[in-house]
């Protein structure tokens, strides 16, 4: 896969009106997949090497980003979702790879600002159900 532009990695939230709205002004974005393991090592394990139980454990995805709010619609959706603790549909479009979609909850929302600069925000999302992937 050839190098891709970071600005093309798009984070979108369900608008509640049958579509997704790009979260405006995100300058950095990150998606991480994790899977916990289930250790089934016992006294009979060959050479005392750890053994894992395949197909078990908990899988999760986390998304984080930072930037500036430039769009009142996405700002409102995120802020409302955080304060209500709601789980919403989100998409992350990864250029040259595909689209990850599923339910996420906003677990952190931080606003910062310098006296000589713009207000910025940091956001963190955690998966709250099954995540799908559609290759491009």
Protein backbone atom coordinates (compact mmCIF):
# COMPACT_ATOMS: atom_id res chain seq x y z
CA UNK A 1 0.00 0.00 0.00
CA UNK A 2 1.34 3.43 -0.94
CA UNK A 3 1.58 6.24 1.61
CA UNK A 4 -1.73 7.90 2.41
CA UNK A 5 -2.52 11.45 3.53
CA UNK A 6 -3.35 11.69 7.24
CA UNK A 7 -6.02 14.29 6.51
CA UNK A 8 -7.96 11.62 4.60
CA UNK A 9 -8.46 9.55 7.77
CA UNK A 10 -12.00 10.67 8.59
CA UNK A 11 -13.95 10.27 11.84
CA UNK A 12 -17.73 10.48 11.43
CA UNK A 13 -20.64 10.41 13.88
CA UNK A 14 -24.20 9.28 13.15
CA UNK A 15 -26.25 12.43 12.58
CA UNK A 16 -29.45 10.77 13.73
CA UNK A 17 -30.98 11.66 10.38
CA UNK A 18 -29.92 8.59 8.41
CA UNK A 19 -26.34 9.59 7.65
CA UNK A 20 -22.95 10.38 9.14
CA UNK A 21 -21.36 13.79 9.78
CA UNK A 22 -17.59 14.23 9.59
CA UNK A 23 -16.19 15.47 12.89
CA UNK A 24 -14.81 18.79 11.72
CA UNK A 25 -11.38 20.12 12.47
CA UNK A 26 -9.67 16.95 13.68
CA UNK A 27 -5.94 17.36 13.14
CA UNK A 28 -4.88 14.02 14.60
CA UNK A 29 -6.75 10.71 14.68
CA UNK A 30 -5.89 7.27 16.02
CA UNK A 31 -7.63 3.87 15.86
CA UNK A 32 -6.47 0.92 17.96
CA UNK A 33 -7.77 -2.64 18.04
CA UNK A 34 -7.11 -4.80 21.08
CA UNK A 35 -7.91 -8.36 22.02
CA UNK A 36 -7.46 -9.76 25.50
CA UNK A 37 -6.03 -13.25 25.74
CA UNK A 38 -7.18 -16.22 27.79
CA UNK A 39 -4.22 -18.08 29.25
CA UNK A 40 -4.80 -21.85 29.49
CA UNK A 41 -1.24 -22.83 30.42
CA UNK A 42 -1.03 -25.71 32.88
CA UNK A 43 1.52 -28.12 34.33
CA UNK A 44 1.34 -30.26 31.16
CA UNK A 45 2.11 -27.38 28.77
CA UNK A 46 5.03 -28.32 26.49
CA UNK A 47 8.26 -26.82 27.83
CA UNK A 48 6.26 -24.59 30.18
CA UNK A 49 5.41 -22.34 27.23
CA UNK A 50 2.31 -20.26 27.60
CA UNK A 51 -0.78 -21.54 25.80
CA UNK A 52 -3.66 -19.33 24.72
CA UNK A 53 -7.26 -20.27 24.03
CA UNK A 54 -8.02 -19.24 20.46
CA UNK A 55 -11.24 -17.43 19.62
CA UNK A 56 -11.81 -16.26 23.18
CA UNK A 57 -11.22 -13.10 25.14
CA UNK A 58 -12.68 -9.64 24.72
CA UNK A 59 -12.06 -7.55 21.62
CA UNK A 60 -12.32 -3.77 21.61
CA UNK A 61 -11.55 -0.76 19.53
CA UNK A 62 -10.57 2.69 20.73
CA UNK A 63 -10.45 5.92 18.80
CA UNK A 64 -8.85 9.20 19.78
CA UNK A 65 -8.39 12.52 18.10
CA UNK A 66 -7.51 16.15 18.64
CA UNK A 67 -8.32 19.33 16.79
CA UNK A 68 -10.64 22.30 16.63
CA UNK A 69 -14.42 22.46 16.35
CA UNK A 70 -15.45 24.25 13.16
CA UNK A 71 -18.85 22.70 12.65
CA UNK A 72 -21.75 23.32 15.06
CA UNK A 73 -23.56 20.10 14.09
CA UNK A 74 -20.71 17.68 14.90
CA UNK A 75 -19.76 19.72 17.99
CA UNK A 76 -23.33 19.47 19.28
CA UNK A 77 -23.62 15.74 18.58
CA UNK A 78 -20.38 14.99 20.41
CA UNK A 79 -21.10 17.23 23.39
CA UNK A 80 -24.66 15.92 23.78
CA UNK A 81 -23.45 12.32 23.48
CA UNK A 82 -20.79 12.80 26.12
CA UNK A 83 -23.03 14.46 28.71
CA UNK A 84 -25.83 11.94 28.21
CA UNK A 85 -23.48 8.94 28.18
CA UNK A 86 -25.15 7.83 24.96
CA UNK A 87 -23.76 5.21 22.64
CA UNK A 88 -23.82 6.39 19.03
CA UNK A 89 -22.88 5.00 15.65
CA UNK A 90 -19.44 6.09 14.43
CA UNK A 91 -17.38 5.50 11.29
CA UNK A 92 -13.65 5.79 10.71
CA UNK A 93 -12.69 5.92 7.05
CA UNK A 94 -9.11 4.78 6.54
CA UNK A 95 -7.75 5.70 3.08
CA UNK A 96 -6.61 2.73 1.01
CA UNK A 97 -7.85 0.33 3.70
CA UNK A 98 -11.56 0.54 4.41
CA UNK A 99 -14.27 1.76 6.77
CA UNK A 100 -14.62 0.69 10.40
CA UNK A 101 -18.13 1.20 11.77
CA UNK A 102 -19.95 0.48 14.99
CA UNK A 103 -21.28 1.75 18.30
CA UNK A 104 -18.93 3.83 20.41
CA UNK A 105 -19.22 5.87 23.58
CA UNK A 106 -17.37 9.15 24.11
CA UNK A 107 -15.24 8.40 27.17
CA UNK A 108 -13.22 11.63 27.29
CA UNK A 109 -13.78 15.13 25.98
CA UNK A 110 -11.25 17.83 26.83
CA UNK A 111 -11.18 21.48 25.82
CA UNK A 112 -7.99 23.54 25.99
CA UNK A 113 -6.89 26.93 24.82
CA UNK A 114 -4.00 29.35 25.02
CA UNK A 115 -4.54 33.06 25.44
CA UNK A 116 -3.04 33.65 21.99
CA UNK A 117 -4.62 30.73 20.12
CA UNK A 118 -7.79 28.86 19.30
CA UNK A 119 -9.76 26.52 21.55
CA UNK A 120 -8.84 22.90 20.83
CA UNK A 121 -10.35 19.62 21.96
CA UNK A 122 -9.29 16.04 22.55
CA UNK A 123 -11.75 13.18 22.25
CA UNK A 124 -11.59 9.48 23.15
CA UNK A 125 -14.08 6.80 22.12
CA UNK A 126 -14.43 3.17 23.23
CA UNK A 127 -16.31 0.51 21.30
CA UNK A 128 -19.63 -0.50 22.83
CA UNK A 129 -20.58 -3.48 20.66
CA UNK A 130 -19.67 -5.35 17.50
CA UNK A 131 -17.48 -3.44 15.03
CA UNK A 132 -17.70 -4.05 11.30
CA UNK A 133 -15.06 -3.52 8.65
CA UNK A 134 -15.68 -2.94 4.94
CA UNK A 135 -12.62 -2.97 2.69
CA UNK A 136 -12.29 -0.30 0.03
